[in-house]
C-alpha atoms as a PDB file:
ATOM      1  CA  MET A   1      14.531 204.022  -2.049  1.00  0.00           C
ATOM      2  CA  ARG A   2      17.675 206.063  -2.567  1.00  0.00           C
ATOM      3  CA  TYR A   3      21.114 204.451  -2.593  1.00  0.00           C
ATOM      4  CA  ALA A   4      24.721 205.478  -3.075  1.00  0.00           C
ATOM      5  CA  GLN A   5      26.902 202.990  -4.903  1.00  0.00           C
ATOM      6  CA  ILE A   6      30.545 202.832  -3.845  1.00  0.00           C
ATOM      7  CA  ASP A   7      33.611 201.340  -5.515  1.00  0.00           C
ATOM      8  CA  LYS A   8      36.178 199.021  -3.894  1.00  0.00           C
ATOM      9  CA  ASN A   9      37.851 202.066  -2.287  1.00  0.00           C
ATOM     10  CA  GLY A  10      34.591 203.256  -0.717  1.00  0.00           C
ATOM     11  CA  ILE A  11      34.214 206.203  -3.117  1.00  0.00           C
ATOM     12  CA  CYS A  12      30.656 206.999  -4.198  1.00  0.00           C
ATOM     13  CA  PHE A  13      30.241 206.983  -7.989  1.00  0.00           C
ATOM     14  CA  ALA A  14      26.436 206.769  -8.258  1.00  0.00           C
ATOM     15  CA  ASP A  15      23.422 208.214  -6.451  1.00  0.00           C
ATOM     16  CA  SER A  16      20.295 206.319  -7.522  1.00  0.00           C
ATOM     17  CA  TYR A  17      16.622 205.862  -6.780  1.00  0.00           C
ATOM     18  CA  LEU A  18      15.685 202.177  -6.828  1.00  0.00           C
ATOM     19  CA  SER A  19      12.262 200.567  -6.712  1.00  0.00           C
ATOM     20  CA  GLY A  20      12.986 198.343  -3.722  1.00  0.00           C
ATOM     21  CA  GLU A  21      15.327 197.431  -0.922  1.00  0.00           C
ATOM     22  CA  VAL A  22      18.846 196.335  -1.863  1.00  0.00           C
ATOM     23  CA  LYS A  23      21.173 194.232   0.274  1.00  0.00           C
ATOM     24  CA  ALA A  24      24.699 194.670  -1.106  1.00  0.00           C
ATOM     25  CA  ASN A  25      27.983 195.783   0.418  1.00  0.00           C
ATOM     26  CA  ASP A  26      28.505 198.407  -2.275  1.00  0.00           C
ATOM     27  CA  MET A  27      25.025 199.960  -1.920  1.00  0.00           C
ATOM     28  CA  ILE A  28      24.513 202.453   0.924  1.00  0.00           C
ATOM     29  CA  LEU A  29      20.973 203.494   1.848  1.00  0.00           C
ATOM     30  CA  LEU A  30      20.487 207.279   1.771  1.00  0.00           C
ATOM     31  CA  GLN A  31      17.762 209.441   3.240  1.00  0.00           C
ATOM     32  CA  GLU A  32      15.696 211.555   0.869  1.00  0.00           C
ATOM     33  CA  ASN A  33      17.076 214.827   2.266  1.00  0.00           C
ATOM     34  CA  ASP A  34      20.755 213.699   2.339  1.00  0.00           C
ATOM     35  CA  VAL A  35      23.175 215.735   0.257  1.00  0.00           C
ATOM     36  CA  SER A  36      24.526 213.723  -2.659  1.00  0.00           C
ATOM     37  CA  PRO A  37      27.662 211.839  -1.592  1.00  0.00           C
ATOM     38  CA  LEU A  38      29.090 211.648  -5.124  1.00  0.00           C
ATOM     39  CA  GLY A  39      32.881 211.699  -4.941  1.00  0.00           C
ATOM     40  CA  LYS A  40      32.926 211.202  -1.167  1.00  0.00           C
ATOM     41  CA  LYS A  41      34.343 208.203   0.699  1.00  0.00           C
ATOM     42  CA  TYR A  42      32.117 206.053   2.909  1.00  0.00           C
ATOM     43  CA  ASP A  43      34.057 205.107   6.047  1.00  0.00           C
ATOM     44  CA  ASN A  44      32.413 203.467   9.084  1.00  0.00           C
ATOM     45  CA  GLY A  45      29.009 204.987   8.350  1.00  0.00           C
ATOM     46  CA  ILE A  46      30.342 208.489   7.617  1.00  0.00           C
ATOM     47  CA  TRP A  47      30.801 210.282   4.294  1.00  0.00           C
ATOM     48  CA  ILE A  48      34.248 211.890   4.100  1.00  0.00           C
ATOM     49  CA  GLU A  49      35.438 214.475   1.583  1.00  0.00           C
ATOM     50  CA  VAL A  50      38.440 213.268  -0.423  1.00  0.00           C
ATOM     51  CA  GLU A  51      40.853 215.087  -2.689  1.00  0.00           C
ATOM     52  CA  GLN A  52      39.974 214.713  -6.347  1.00  0.00           C
ATOM     53  CA  SER A  53      43.446 213.310  -7.063  1.00  0.00           C
ATOM     54  CA  GLN A  54      42.600 210.341  -4.809  1.00  0.00           C
ATOM     55  CA  ILE A  55      39.566 209.449  -6.890  1.00  0.00           C
ATOM     56  CA  PRO A  56      40.561 207.125  -9.737  1.00  0.00           C
ATOM     57  CA  GLN A  57      39.434 208.529 -13.079  1.00  0.00           C
ATOM     58  CA  GLN A  58      37.381 206.122 -15.140  1.00  0.00           C
ATOM     59  CA  GLU A  59      36.696 206.533 -18.814  1.00  0.00           C
ATOM     60  CA  ASN A  60      33.129 207.552 -19.342  1.00  0.00           C
ATOM     61  CA  ASP A  61      30.863 205.740 -21.780  1.00  0.00           C
ATOM     62  CA  THR A  62      31.134 208.479 -24.405  1.00  0.00           C
ATOM     63  CA  GLU A  63      34.934 208.253 -24.466  1.00  0.00           C
ATOM     64  CA  ILE A  64      34.796 204.471 -24.819  1.00  0.00           C
ATOM     65  CA  ILE A  65      32.221 204.673 -27.621  1.00  0.00           C
ATOM     66  CA  MET A  66      34.159 207.382 -29.476  1.00  0.00           C
ATOM     67  CA  GLN A  67      37.371 205.359 -29.198  1.00  0.00           C
ATOM     68  CA  SER A  68      35.582 202.284 -30.585  1.00  0.00           C
ATOM     69  CA  ILE A  69      34.122 204.293 -33.469  1.00  0.00           C
ATOM     70  CA  THR A  70      37.559 205.685 -34.314  1.00  0.00           C
ATOM     71  CA  GLU A  71      39.074 202.197 -34.305  1.00  0.00           C
ATOM     72  CA  LEU A  72      36.296 200.920 -36.589  1.00  0.00           C
ATOM     73  CA  GLU A  73      36.771 203.850 -38.968  1.00  0.00           C
ATOM     74  CA  LEU A  74      40.508 203.121 -39.153  1.00  0.00           C
ATOM     75  CA  GLN A  75      39.811 199.458 -39.866  1.00  0.00           C
ATOM     76  CA  GLY A  76      37.374 200.512 -42.598  1.00  0.00           C
ATOM     77  CA  LEU A  77      39.974 202.797 -44.195  1.00  0.00           C
ATOM     78  CA  GLU A  78      42.599 200.058 -44.092  1.00  0.00           C
ATOM     79  CA  ALA A  79      40.180 197.603 -45.718  1.00  0.00           C
ATOM     80  CA  GLN A  80      39.309 200.173 -48.398  1.00  0.00           C
ATOM     81  CA  GLN A  81      43.000 200.713 -49.184  1.00  0.00           C
ATOM     82  CA  GLU A  82      43.525 196.961 -49.432  1.00  0.00           C
ATOM     83  CA  ARG A  83      40.551 196.623 -51.821  1.00  0.00           C
ATOM     84  CA  GLN A  84      41.930 199.433 -53.988  1.00  0.00           C
ATOM     85  CA  MET A  85      45.349 197.779 -54.100  1.00  0.00           C
ATOM     86  CA  LEU A  86      43.792 194.434 -55.079  1.00  0.00           C
ATOM     87  CA  ALA A  87      41.687 196.123 -57.769  1.00  0.00           C
ATOM     88  CA  GLN A  88      44.811 197.767 -59.184  1.00  0.00           C
ATOM     89  CA  GLN A  89      46.647 194.426 -59.212  1.00  0.00           C
ATOM     90  CA  MET A  90      43.718 192.793 -61.022  1.00  0.00           C
ATOM     91  CA  THR A  91      43.694 195.576 -63.617  1.00  0.00           C
ATOM     92  CA  GLU A  92      47.431 195.166 -64.172  1.00  0.00           C
ATOM     93  CA  LEU A  93      47.021 191.390 -64.590  1.00  0.00           C
ATOM     94  CA  GLU A  94      44.165 191.871 -67.061  1.00  0.00           C
ATOM     95  CA  LEU A  95      46.279 194.313 -69.089  1.00  0.00           C
ATOM     96  CA  ALA A  96      49.207 191.885 -69.082  1.00  0.00           C
ATOM     97  CA  MET A  97      46.925 189.086 -70.286  1.00  0.00           C
ATOM     98  CA  LEU A  98      45.520 191.299 -73.068  1.00  0.00           C
ATOM     99  CA  GLU A  99      49.010 192.274 -74.183  1.00  0.00           C
ATOM    100  CA  ARG A 100      50.062 188.613 -74.359  1.00  0.00           C
ATOM    101  CA  SER A 101      46.998 187.647 -76.346  1.00  0.00           C
ATOM    102  CA  ASN A 102      47.671 190.453 -78.876  1.00  0.00           C
ATOM    103  CA  MET A 103      51.206 189.209 -79.597  1.00  0.00           C
END
């Protein structure tokens, strides 16, 4: 069975084939030969064209994943810099200890 899924504003954001009947307010049964209602508004049983500016833009999965990867890479770089700073401090302490023991 083919369904359109609508958001809280009635805008269709998914056109899907499902294995069985669905009873949900946000799922609208479509006929096999219906034109895809993606981006259209469902209002009292009718699909209405809407201006693209009225459709809220949602981040797609790729954008969210790429943003998460970038944040993780930045955290990794910050951790690497901190490790390098700690290693340098340890080296300086070891040198200071060696100098004191040679006096």
